[in-house]
């Protein structure tokens, strides 16, 4: 994360496979990562923080966003492509 963007905004991973996604908050504000359905959430990550999330999803396109008020509206959104 950086203020207020995901880098990269588009990520492609293999389907039906455990994939560990590492998040590093290089911004000055708290951020998070959420895919609404099927309910993937990183938790809140303060400046300089790091966390990992393991996902295992069927093929599809999964929009994600930061849920901190105003961040998604400012462009902190992206898409996870599962193939």
Protein backbone atom coordinates (compact mmCIF):
# COMPACT_ATOMS: atom_id res chain seq x y z
CA UNK A 1 0.00 0.00 0.00
CA UNK A 2 0.95 3.60 -0.53
CA UNK A 3 -1.22 6.64 0.21
CA UNK A 4 -3.82 6.04 -1.37
CA UNK A 5 -3.15 3.27 -3.88
CA UNK A 6 -2.47 -0.42 -4.24
CA UNK A 7 0.76 -1.25 -6.07
CA UNK A 8 0.08 -3.16 -8.26
CA UNK A 9 -3.63 -2.52 -8.90
CA UNK A 10 -4.05 -5.78 -10.80
CA UNK A 11 -2.76 -9.16 -9.64
CA UNK A 12 -3.15 -12.57 -11.35
CA UNK A 13 -2.93 -15.82 -9.37
CA UNK A 14 -3.62 -19.50 -10.12
CA UNK A 15 -7.09 -20.91 -9.37
CA UNK A 16 -7.84 -23.47 -6.67
CA UNK A 17 -4.37 -23.10 -5.14
CA UNK A 18 -3.27 -21.66 -1.80
CA UNK A 19 -1.59 -18.34 -2.60
CA UNK A 20 0.01 -16.16 0.06
CA UNK A 21 -0.32 -12.44 -0.61
CA UNK A 22 2.01 -10.20 1.40
CA UNK A 23 0.97 -6.63 2.16
CA UNK A 24 3.42 -3.92 3.17
CA UNK A 25 2.08 -0.52 4.16
CA UNK A 26 4.56 2.00 2.79
CA UNK A 27 2.07 4.81 3.32
CA UNK A 28 1.61 7.25 6.20
CA UNK A 29 -1.97 6.18 6.97
CA UNK A 30 -3.64 2.94 8.09
CA UNK A 31 -4.88 0.76 5.21
CA UNK A 32 -6.48 -2.62 4.59
CA UNK A 33 -7.34 -5.03 1.78
CA UNK A 34 -10.81 -6.46 1.33
CA UNK A 35 -12.52 -8.66 -1.24
CA UNK A 36 -16.21 -8.45 -0.32
CA UNK A 37 -17.18 -11.83 -1.72
CA UNK A 38 -15.90 -14.36 -0.68
CA UNK A 39 -14.92 -12.38 2.38
CA UNK A 40 -11.13 -11.90 2.30
CA UNK A 41 -9.82 -9.27 4.73
CA UNK A 42 -6.25 -8.37 5.68
CA UNK A 43 -7.09 -6.55 8.89
CA UNK A 44 -5.98 -2.98 9.48
CA UNK A 45 -2.33 -2.28 8.80
CA UNK A 46 -0.63 0.79 10.26
CA UNK A 47 2.26 2.64 8.61
CA UNK A 48 5.27 0.37 8.17
CA UNK A 49 3.23 -2.74 8.96
CA UNK A 50 3.32 -6.05 7.11
CA UNK A 51 0.81 -8.90 6.98
CA UNK A 52 0.01 -11.95 4.88
CA UNK A 53 -3.30 -13.36 3.65
CA UNK A 54 -3.72 -16.85 2.16
CA UNK A 55 -6.36 -17.08 -0.56
CA UNK A 56 -7.66 -20.09 -2.48
CA UNK A 57 -10.28 -19.05 -5.01
CA UNK A 58 -12.05 -20.46 -8.05
CA UNK A 59 -11.48 -18.80 -11.44
CA UNK A 60 -12.92 -15.33 -11.69
CA UNK A 61 -12.34 -11.63 -11.25
CA UNK A 62 -12.44 -10.28 -7.69
CA UNK A 63 -12.51 -6.52 -7.11
CA UNK A 64 -10.69 -5.39 -3.97
CA UNK A 65 -10.53 -2.12 -2.06
CA UNK A 66 -9.29 -0.41 1.06
CA UNK A 67 -12.24 0.01 3.43
CA UNK A 68 -10.86 3.03 5.31
CA UNK A 69 -13.39 5.85 4.71
CA UNK A 70 -12.52 7.84 1.59
CA UNK A 71 -9.67 5.60 0.42
CA UNK A 72 -11.58 3.58 -2.21
CA UNK A 73 -13.19 6.78 -3.52
CA UNK A 74 -9.68 8.24 -3.85
CA UNK A 75 -8.60 5.31 -6.05
CA UNK A 76 -7.45 2.67 -3.57
CA UNK A 77 -9.07 -0.16 -5.51
CA UNK A 78 -7.90 -2.99 -7.73
CA UNK A 79 -8.72 -6.41 -9.13
CA UNK A 80 -7.53 -9.94 -8.36
CA UNK A 81 -7.70 -12.15 -11.45
CA UNK A 82 -7.82 -15.87 -10.73
CA UNK A 83 -7.10 -18.24 -13.64
